[in-house]
Amino acid sequence: MAITETIELLGKGLYGEDIPDTLTLIPMTSTLQMEYEGSESLETTLLDSILPKCVQEKIDFRKLLNIDFQWVLRALRILTFGEFHTTDTIFCRSCDDISRGEYRVNITTIPCRPLPEGFKNTLKIRKEDLMDCGHDIEFKLLTVQEIINARKDKAFTIAGKHNIELARVCYMISSMNGKKDMKPFEVRLEVDKLSGPDWVLLKSSMMELLEYGLEATGSTKCPKCGEEAVFIALVDERFLFATVGDIREWRNSGGRGKAKNISADTAAANG
């Protein structure tokens, strides 16, 4: 019988009938691993080949919120290769220093902030939090496909260079200046009217309100002083790469017998 793991999505209840609240994962096979390692586009391979074969439910993974895409990748990484990850940098506040080398850390220490109960994917920046803008601004969490579209949208080219920050902001905003259900290019026209201070405040407020899902850092011990330290582990399309050392550490610690309850709920990542 194939090993499976059921995870609950962070965005449960937001997808309607398109995507269920829970997904059942199957570990990657050697064939899928070879396809992943040889891919020229990891993101496309993950969305169109790896995940459809490693998730029993038939869904469009591009419709997942990006925080759920990361959540699924975390679960699949632990289910297939274990919880150990090799990093080259550890930051210690006690030492006020950075250790560089090759360190094995545990990715289950990466915290996750769940969405609030009853969340409807609408976030608001009040006009009082801005400076010159006289209206509230509403925005949303993006899906995987929306992030891809923002990255490719040529309408956000400035001086011959694509401005990904501007594109993502405009793709997230859904309402401003009294206008609802705005398209990204419509948002761009309104954003261009903002004052310099309001542009800075807008971006800062959005970042503060978007702190949901997996964080970019986990906890470990400083190799110098032994005190609490942090490592960076960005959960993106490269996250499924595991070193031989990671796998051997997992095997020596008990292998799949230890890899239970990897993300049945957000408490596993917060604990």
Foldseek 3Di string as FASTA:
>chain_A
DFDKAKFAFLCAPQPPPQDHRIWIFTADDPVLVVCCVPDPDLVCCVQPPVVCVGTPDDHRQQQAQVLRVLVVLQLRLCQHQRFKAWDQWWQDPVVNDIHGDIDIDGNLQFAFAGDDPPDNFKDKDAPVLADPFDGIWIFGGDGNNQLVCLVVPPVQADPNRHDSVLSVLLSGTADDPHDGRDDSVVSVVVLVPDDPRRVVSSVVVVVVVPRGHTDQKGWDADPPPRHIIIDGDDRDSVNNDHDPVSRVVCVVVPHPVPSPPSHRDSVSSND
